[in-house]
Amino acid sequence: MRGLADDRLAAAIRAIHQHPAHTWTVVELAKCAALSRSAFFVRFRAALGLSPMEYLLNWRMALAKDLLRSAHLSVAEVAEQVGYRSASAFSVAFTRYAGLSPTGFAAGT
């Protein structure tokens, strides 16, 4: 992981990984990295090739896919574990991201 080689970015990435359901903002993540919001955003994008919020979405969706494949959880339970307050908001985001609904994804695995 390119971001983990940068100690400051690594702190923010670890925070995301440890608390994926937290309602992260770029400002909070910048504080984790001990950088200003703008410096953090530029540095993160340069190192990882995507914005902090895009990274957060990708991480949450990767976790959701794992949970849908292996854990026998409801869509609402998966949604909660990956930071969505409602199953419907999660379903819309997951479908947009994966091209399948969460139940369709789980059924296909």
C-alpha atoms as a PDB file:
ATOM      1  CA  MET A   1       0.000   0.000   0.000  1.00  0.00           C
ATOM      2  CA  ARG A   2       1.510   3.231  -1.143  1.00  0.00           C
ATOM      3  CA  GLY A   3      -0.234   5.314   1.514  1.00  0.00           C
ATOM      4  CA  LEU A   4       1.180   3.263   4.367  1.00  0.00           C
ATOM      5  CA  ALA A   5       4.726   4.257   3.395  1.00  0.00           C
ATOM      6  CA  ASP A   6       3.838   7.822   4.379  1.00  0.00           C
ATOM      7  CA  ASP A   7       3.575   7.915   8.182  1.00  0.00           C
ATOM      8  CA  ARG A   8       1.079  10.748   8.196  1.00  0.00           C
ATOM      9  CA  LEU A   9      -1.221   9.192   5.622  1.00  0.00           C
ATOM     10  CA  ALA A  10      -0.825   5.816   7.315  1.00  0.00           C
ATOM     11  CA  ALA A  11      -2.346   7.245  10.497  1.00  0.00           C
ATOM     12  CA  ALA A  12      -5.477   8.309   8.608  1.00  0.00           C
ATOM     13  CA  ILE A  13      -5.678   5.029   6.666  1.00  0.00           C
ATOM     14  CA  ARG A  14      -5.366   3.032   9.902  1.00  0.00           C
ATOM     15  CA  ALA A  15      -8.171   5.115  11.416  1.00  0.00           C
ATOM     16  CA  ILE A  16     -10.409   4.352   8.426  1.00  0.00           C
ATOM     17  CA  HIS A  17      -9.597   0.646   8.622  1.00  0.00           C
ATOM     18  CA  GLN A  18     -10.129   0.468  12.375  1.00  0.00           C
ATOM     19  CA  HIS A  19     -13.397   2.438  12.357  1.00  0.00           C
ATOM     20  CA  PRO A  20     -15.050   2.070   8.940  1.00  0.00           C
ATOM     21  CA  ALA A  21     -18.509   2.892  10.301  1.00  0.00           C
ATOM     22  CA  HIS A  22     -17.406   6.260  11.673  1.00  0.00           C
ATOM     23  CA  THR A  23     -18.800   9.281   9.837  1.00  0.00           C
ATOM     24  CA  TRP A  24     -15.397  10.439   8.626  1.00  0.00           C
ATOM     25  CA  THR A  25     -14.766  13.856   7.153  1.00  0.00           C
ATOM     26  CA  VAL A  26     -11.665  15.042   5.347  1.00  0.00           C
ATOM     27  CA  VAL A  27     -11.053  17.435   8.244  1.00  0.00           C
ATOM     28  CA  GLU A  28     -11.068  14.584  10.789  1.00  0.00           C
ATOM     29  CA  LEU A  29      -8.776  12.458   8.646  1.00  0.00           C
ATOM     30  CA  ALA A  30      -6.434  15.406   8.151  1.00  0.00           C
ATOM     31  CA  LYS A  31      -6.253  15.767  11.936  1.00  0.00           C
ATOM     32  CA  CYS A  32      -5.307  12.078  12.201  1.00  0.00           C
ATOM     33  CA  ALA A  33      -2.511  12.803   9.727  1.00  0.00           C
ATOM     34  CA  ALA A  34      -1.482  16.028  11.494  1.00  0.00           C
ATOM     35  CA  LEU A  35      -1.917  17.982   8.264  1.00  0.00           C
ATOM     36  CA  SER A  36      -4.131  20.796   7.100  1.00  0.00           C
ATOM     37  CA  ARG A  37      -7.241  19.747   5.210  1.00  0.00           C
ATOM     38  CA  SER A  38      -5.896  20.934   1.866  1.00  0.00           C
ATOM     39  CA  ALA A  39      -2.391  19.509   2.358  1.00  0.00           C
ATOM     40  CA  PHE A  40      -3.872  16.186   3.436  1.00  0.00           C
ATOM     41  CA  PHE A  41      -6.217  16.026   0.453  1.00  0.00           C
ATOM     42  CA  VAL A  42      -3.453  16.800  -2.063  1.00  0.00           C
ATOM     43  CA  ARG A  43      -0.968  14.421  -0.426  1.00  0.00           C
ATOM     44  CA  PHE A  44      -3.536  11.608  -0.169  1.00  0.00           C
ATOM     45  CA  ARG A  45      -4.591  11.908  -3.807  1.00  0.00           C
ATOM     46  CA  ALA A  46      -0.975  12.067  -4.988  1.00  0.00           C
ATOM     47  CA  ALA A  47      -0.008   8.963  -3.008  1.00  0.00           C
ATOM     48  CA  LEU A  48      -3.087   6.803  -3.602  1.00  0.00           C
ATOM     49  CA  GLY A  49      -4.560   8.165  -6.825  1.00  0.00           C
ATOM     50  CA  LEU A  50      -7.974   8.831  -5.292  1.00  0.00           C
ATOM     51  CA  SER A  51      -9.517  11.180  -2.771  1.00  0.00           C
ATOM     52  CA  PRO A  52      -9.868  10.261   0.896  1.00  0.00           C
ATOM     53  CA  MET A  53     -13.644   9.887   0.531  1.00  0.00           C
ATOM     54  CA  GLU A  54     -13.223   7.660  -2.546  1.00  0.00           C
ATOM     55  CA  TYR A  55     -10.798   5.526  -0.536  1.00  0.00           C
ATOM     56  CA  LEU A  56     -13.292   5.335   2.328  1.00  0.00           C
ATOM     57  CA  LEU A  57     -16.064   4.260  -0.053  1.00  0.00           C
ATOM     58  CA  ASN A  58     -13.835   1.603  -1.637  1.00  0.00           C
ATOM     59  CA  TRP A  59     -12.870   0.265   1.811  1.00  0.00           C
ATOM     60  CA  ARG A  60     -16.467   0.166   3.006  1.00  0.00           C
ATOM     61  CA  MET A  61     -17.613  -1.615  -0.140  1.00  0.00           C
ATOM     62  CA  ALA A  62     -14.786  -4.162   0.098  1.00  0.00           C
ATOM     63  CA  LEU A  63     -15.829  -4.881   3.682  1.00  0.00           C
ATOM     64  CA  ALA A  64     -19.475  -5.081   2.643  1.00  0.00           C
ATOM     65  CA  LYS A  65     -18.646  -7.591  -0.090  1.00  0.00           C
ATOM     66  CA  ASP A  66     -16.770  -9.754   2.414  1.00  0.00           C
ATOM     67  CA  LEU A  67     -19.632  -9.580   4.894  1.00  0.00           C
ATOM     68  CA  LEU A  68     -22.229 -10.365   2.249  1.00  0.00           C
ATOM     69  CA  ARG A  69     -20.162 -13.351   1.046  1.00  0.00           C
ATOM     70  CA  SER A  70     -19.255 -14.881   4.365  1.00  0.00           C
ATOM     71  CA  ALA A  71     -21.331 -13.592   7.242  1.00  0.00           C
ATOM     72  CA  HIS A  72     -24.957 -14.486   7.380  1.00  0.00           C
ATOM     73  CA  LEU A  73     -26.032 -10.950   8.126  1.00  0.00           C
ATOM     74  CA  SER A  74     -29.001  -8.990   6.896  1.00  0.00           C
ATOM     75  CA  VAL A  75     -28.446  -6.094   4.517  1.00  0.00           C
ATOM     76  CA  ALA A  76     -29.313  -3.740   7.392  1.00  0.00           C
ATOM     77  CA  GLU A  77     -26.635  -5.330   9.612  1.00  0.00           C
ATOM     78  CA  VAL A  78     -24.015  -5.067   6.868  1.00  0.00           C
ATOM     79  CA  ALA A  79     -25.051  -1.470   6.214  1.00  0.00           C
ATOM     80  CA  GLU A  80     -24.580  -0.589   9.873  1.00  0.00           C
ATOM     81  CA  GLN A  81     -21.182  -2.281  10.094  1.00  0.00           C
ATOM     82  CA  VAL A  82     -19.830  -0.344   7.125  1.00  0.00           C
ATOM     83  CA  GLY A  83     -21.154   3.063   8.133  1.00  0.00           C
ATOM     84  CA  TYR A  84     -24.584   3.495   6.592  1.00  0.00           C
ATOM     85  CA  ARG A  85     -27.488   4.625   8.719  1.00  0.00           C
ATOM     86  CA  SER A  86     -30.098   2.912   6.583  1.00  0.00           C
ATOM     87  CA  ALA A  87     -30.273  -0.259   4.565  1.00  0.00           C
ATOM     88  CA  SER A  88     -31.809   1.635   1.661  1.00  0.00           C
ATOM     89  CA  ALA A  89     -28.968   4.182   1.469  1.00  0.00           C
ATOM     90  CA  PHE A  90     -26.471   1.330   1.624  1.00  0.00           C
ATOM     91  CA  SER A  91     -28.342  -0.623  -1.062  1.00  0.00           C
ATOM     92  CA  VAL A  92     -28.298   2.351  -3.422  1.00  0.00           C
ATOM     93  CA  ALA A  93     -24.581   2.981  -2.829  1.00  0.00           C
ATOM     94  CA  PHE A  94     -23.680  -0.710  -3.103  1.00  0.00           C
ATOM     95  CA  THR A  95     -25.673  -1.172  -6.312  1.00  0.00           C
ATOM     96  CA  ARG A  96     -24.024   1.896  -7.846  1.00  0.00           C
ATOM     97  CA  TYR A  97     -20.594   0.623  -6.790  1.00  0.00           C
ATOM     98  CA  ALA A  98     -20.896  -3.106  -7.537  1.00  0.00           C
ATOM     99  CA  GLY A  99     -23.510  -3.167 -10.281  1.00  0.00           C
ATOM    100  CA  LEU A 100     -25.644  -5.574  -8.235  1.00  0.00           C
ATOM    101  CA  SER A 101     -27.896  -5.121  -5.249  1.00  0.00           C
ATOM    102  CA  PRO A 102     -26.510  -6.405  -1.951  1.00  0.00           C
ATOM    103  CA  THR A 103     -28.982  -9.312  -1.964  1.00  0.00           C
ATOM    104  CA  GLY A 104     -28.158 -10.083  -5.579  1.00  0.00           C
ATOM    105  CA  PHE A 105     -24.451 -10.018  -4.759  1.00  0.00           C
ATOM    106  CA  ALA A 106     -24.915 -12.279  -1.728  1.00  0.00           C
ATOM    107  CA  ALA A 107     -27.025 -14.725  -3.733  1.00  0.00           C
ATOM    108  CA  GLY A 108     -24.387 -14.950  -6.440  1.00  0.00           C
ATOM    109  CA  THR A 109     -21.591 -15.927  -4.103  1.00  0.00           C
END
